[in-house]
N, C-alpha and C. Protein backbone atom coordinates (compact mmCIF):
# COMPACT_ATOMS: atom_id res chain seq x y z
N UNK A 1 83.02 14.32 153.83
CA UNK A 1 83.44 12.94 153.87
C UNK A 1 83.08 12.39 155.25
N UNK A 2 82.27 11.35 155.27
CA UNK A 2 81.83 10.76 156.52
C UNK A 2 82.95 9.99 157.20
N UNK A 3 83.62 9.14 156.46
CA UNK A 3 84.69 8.32 157.02
C UNK A 3 86.04 8.75 156.46
N UNK A 4 87.10 8.59 157.25
CA UNK A 4 88.42 8.90 156.72
C UNK A 4 88.80 7.89 155.64
N UNK A 5 89.63 8.31 154.72
CA UNK A 5 90.09 7.42 153.66
C UNK A 5 91.58 7.66 153.43
N UNK A 6 92.06 7.15 152.33
CA UNK A 6 93.48 7.28 152.02
C UNK A 6 93.90 8.75 151.90
N UNK A 7 92.98 9.61 151.43
CA UNK A 7 93.33 11.01 151.18
C UNK A 7 92.64 11.99 152.11
N UNK A 8 91.92 11.49 153.11
CA UNK A 8 91.21 12.37 154.05
C UNK A 8 91.69 12.04 155.47
N UNK A 9 92.16 13.04 156.18
CA UNK A 9 92.56 12.85 157.56
C UNK A 9 91.35 12.56 158.43
N UNK A 10 91.59 11.88 159.55
CA UNK A 10 90.51 11.57 160.47
C UNK A 10 89.82 12.84 160.95
N UNK A 11 90.58 13.89 161.28
CA UNK A 11 89.98 15.12 161.80
C UNK A 11 89.14 15.85 160.75
N UNK A 12 89.36 15.58 159.47
CA UNK A 12 88.57 16.20 158.41
C UNK A 12 87.27 15.47 158.14
N UNK A 13 87.14 14.24 158.64
CA UNK A 13 85.94 13.45 158.40
C UNK A 13 84.86 13.79 159.43
N UNK A 14 83.61 13.44 159.11
CA UNK A 14 82.53 13.67 160.05
C UNK A 14 82.67 12.76 161.27
N UNK A 15 83.25 11.60 161.09
CA UNK A 15 83.48 10.69 162.21
C UNK A 15 84.48 11.32 163.20
N UNK A 16 85.53 11.90 162.68
CA UNK A 16 86.51 12.58 163.53
C UNK A 16 85.92 13.80 164.20
N UNK A 17 85.11 14.56 163.45
CA UNK A 17 84.46 15.74 164.01
C UNK A 17 83.48 15.31 165.10
N UNK A 18 82.84 14.16 164.91
CA UNK A 18 81.93 13.64 165.92
C UNK A 18 82.64 13.31 167.22
N UNK A 19 83.82 12.74 167.12
CA UNK A 19 84.57 12.43 168.35
C UNK A 19 84.97 13.71 169.07
N UNK A 20 85.31 14.74 168.31
CA UNK A 20 85.63 16.04 168.91
C UNK A 20 84.40 16.60 169.62
N UNK A 21 83.23 16.56 168.97
CA UNK A 21 82.01 17.11 169.58
C UNK A 21 81.62 16.34 170.84
N UNK A 22 81.80 15.03 170.84
CA UNK A 22 81.48 14.25 172.04
C UNK A 22 82.37 14.66 173.21
N UNK A 23 83.61 15.00 172.93
CA UNK A 23 84.50 15.48 173.99
C UNK A 23 84.02 16.82 174.54
N UNK A 24 83.46 17.65 173.67
CA UNK A 24 82.96 18.96 174.09
C UNK A 24 81.66 18.88 174.87
N UNK A 25 80.99 17.74 174.81
CA UNK A 25 79.71 17.58 175.49
C UNK A 25 79.90 17.04 176.91
N UNK A 26 80.92 17.52 177.62
CA UNK A 26 81.09 17.13 179.01
C UNK A 26 79.97 17.74 179.87
N UNK A 27 79.34 18.76 179.34
CA UNK A 27 78.13 19.33 179.93
C UNK A 27 77.15 19.59 178.79
N UNK A 28 75.85 19.55 179.07
CA UNK A 28 74.87 19.80 178.00
C UNK A 28 75.09 21.17 177.36
N UNK A 29 74.96 21.23 176.03
CA UNK A 29 75.21 22.45 175.28
C UNK A 29 74.21 22.60 174.15
N UNK A 30 74.03 23.83 173.72
CA UNK A 30 73.21 24.09 172.54
C UNK A 30 74.08 23.97 171.29
N UNK A 31 73.44 23.96 170.14
CA UNK A 31 74.18 23.90 168.88
C UNK A 31 75.07 25.13 168.75
N UNK A 32 74.55 26.29 169.11
CA UNK A 32 75.34 27.52 169.03
C UNK A 32 76.57 27.46 169.93
N UNK A 33 76.43 26.91 171.12
CA UNK A 33 77.58 26.79 172.02
C UNK A 33 78.63 25.85 171.46
N UNK A 34 78.19 24.75 170.86
CA UNK A 34 79.14 23.83 170.23
C UNK A 34 79.87 24.48 169.07
N UNK A 35 79.15 25.24 168.26
CA UNK A 35 79.75 25.92 167.11
C UNK A 35 80.77 26.95 167.58
N UNK A 36 80.43 27.73 168.61
CA UNK A 36 81.36 28.73 169.14
C UNK A 36 82.59 28.07 169.74
N UNK A 37 82.41 26.96 170.46
CA UNK A 37 83.55 26.24 171.04
C UNK A 37 84.46 25.71 169.94
N UNK A 38 83.87 25.17 168.87
CA UNK A 38 84.67 24.68 167.75
C UNK A 38 85.46 25.82 167.10
N UNK A 39 84.80 26.94 166.85
CA UNK A 39 85.48 28.07 166.19
C UNK A 39 86.62 28.59 167.06
N UNK A 40 86.42 28.62 168.37
CA UNK A 40 87.49 29.05 169.28
C UNK A 40 88.66 28.07 169.23
N UNK A 41 88.36 26.78 169.29
CA UNK A 41 89.42 25.77 169.23
C UNK A 41 90.16 25.78 167.90
N UNK A 42 89.44 26.04 166.81
CA UNK A 42 90.07 26.14 165.49
C UNK A 42 91.02 27.34 165.46
N UNK A 43 90.56 28.45 165.98
CA UNK A 43 91.37 29.67 165.99
C UNK A 43 92.63 29.50 166.85
N UNK A 44 92.50 28.81 167.98
CA UNK A 44 93.63 28.60 168.88
C UNK A 44 94.52 27.43 168.48
N UNK A 45 94.10 26.68 167.46
CA UNK A 45 94.90 25.56 166.98
C UNK A 45 94.69 24.26 167.74
N UNK A 46 93.62 24.17 168.53
CA UNK A 46 93.32 22.93 169.25
C UNK A 46 92.64 21.90 168.36
N UNK A 47 92.01 22.35 167.30
CA UNK A 47 91.42 21.44 166.30
C UNK A 47 91.89 21.92 164.95
N UNK A 48 92.35 21.01 164.11
CA UNK A 48 93.09 21.40 162.92
C UNK A 48 92.29 21.45 161.64
N UNK A 49 91.15 20.78 161.58
CA UNK A 49 90.41 20.68 160.33
C UNK A 49 89.30 21.72 160.29
N UNK A 50 89.23 22.42 159.18
CA UNK A 50 88.16 23.42 158.98
C UNK A 50 86.88 22.68 158.62
N UNK A 51 85.83 22.92 159.38
CA UNK A 51 84.53 22.32 159.15
C UNK A 51 83.51 23.43 158.96
N UNK A 52 82.45 23.15 158.22
CA UNK A 52 81.38 24.12 158.02
C UNK A 52 80.26 23.86 159.02
N UNK A 53 79.35 24.83 159.12
CA UNK A 53 78.19 24.65 159.99
C UNK A 53 77.33 23.50 159.49
N UNK A 54 77.28 23.32 158.17
CA UNK A 54 76.55 22.18 157.60
C UNK A 54 77.14 20.85 158.09
N UNK A 55 78.46 20.77 158.16
CA UNK A 55 79.11 19.56 158.66
C UNK A 55 78.81 19.34 160.14
N UNK A 56 78.71 20.43 160.89
CA UNK A 56 78.32 20.31 162.30
C UNK A 56 76.93 19.70 162.40
N UNK A 57 76.01 20.19 161.59
CA UNK A 57 74.65 19.67 161.58
C UNK A 57 74.62 18.20 161.18
N UNK A 58 75.33 17.85 160.11
CA UNK A 58 75.39 16.46 159.67
C UNK A 58 76.00 15.55 160.73
N UNK A 59 77.01 16.04 161.41
CA UNK A 59 77.66 15.25 162.45
C UNK A 59 76.72 15.03 163.63
N UNK A 60 75.97 16.07 164.01
CA UNK A 60 75.01 15.91 165.10
C UNK A 60 73.90 14.92 164.72
N UNK A 61 73.47 14.96 163.47
CA UNK A 61 72.47 13.99 162.98
C UNK A 61 73.04 12.57 163.05
N UNK A 62 74.29 12.42 162.64
CA UNK A 62 74.95 11.12 162.70
C UNK A 62 75.03 10.62 164.15
N UNK A 63 75.48 11.49 165.07
CA UNK A 63 75.60 11.11 166.47
C UNK A 63 74.25 10.76 167.08
N UNK A 64 73.21 11.49 166.69
CA UNK A 64 71.86 11.19 167.15
C UNK A 64 71.41 9.84 166.61
N UNK A 65 71.73 9.56 165.36
CA UNK A 65 71.34 8.32 164.72
C UNK A 65 71.95 7.08 165.37
N UNK A 66 73.15 7.22 165.88
CA UNK A 66 73.80 6.08 166.55
C UNK A 66 73.58 6.14 168.07
N UNK A 67 72.70 7.03 168.49
CA UNK A 67 72.31 7.17 169.90
C UNK A 67 73.47 7.54 170.81
N UNK A 68 74.37 8.36 170.30
CA UNK A 68 75.47 8.87 171.11
C UNK A 68 75.08 10.16 171.82
N UNK A 69 74.08 10.87 171.26
CA UNK A 69 73.58 12.10 171.86
C UNK A 69 72.06 12.08 171.85
N UNK A 70 71.48 12.94 172.67
CA UNK A 70 70.04 13.15 172.66
C UNK A 70 69.78 14.64 172.82
N UNK A 71 68.58 15.06 172.44
CA UNK A 71 68.20 16.47 172.49
C UNK A 71 66.97 16.61 173.37
N UNK A 72 67.01 17.55 174.30
CA UNK A 72 65.89 17.86 175.16
C UNK A 72 65.76 19.37 175.27
N UNK A 73 64.65 19.91 174.78
CA UNK A 73 64.35 21.35 174.88
C UNK A 73 65.47 22.22 174.28
N UNK A 74 66.02 21.80 173.16
CA UNK A 74 67.03 22.59 172.47
C UNK A 74 68.44 22.43 173.00
N UNK A 75 68.62 21.53 173.95
CA UNK A 75 69.94 21.31 174.55
C UNK A 75 70.37 19.88 174.21
N UNK A 76 71.63 19.73 173.83
CA UNK A 76 72.17 18.43 173.45
C UNK A 76 72.91 17.82 174.62
N UNK A 77 72.59 16.56 174.90
CA UNK A 77 73.21 15.80 175.98
C UNK A 77 73.92 14.59 175.40
N UNK A 78 75.03 14.21 176.02
CA UNK A 78 75.71 12.99 175.64
C UNK A 78 75.02 11.82 176.32
N UNK A 79 74.76 10.76 175.58
CA UNK A 79 74.16 9.54 176.15
C UNK A 79 75.23 8.69 176.80
N UNK A 80 74.81 7.86 177.72
CA UNK A 80 75.76 6.97 178.41
C UNK A 80 76.11 5.78 177.58
């Protein structure tokens, strides 16, 4: 689910996952580093919604499409 709705929490949507990923991009990271950080936060209870790797990919594509992130040499950077 891209956007939250009446039956989907914000954290379960790709938009909510995108806001979480942007917070994690305080320094440039690879996709693997973002995935590992998410899994650690999920395990520790810092992020509550279970997301798949496919959703991570879709969210990164969405963020790239709205020019919130950019990719250089396999590393993802947050845009200003």
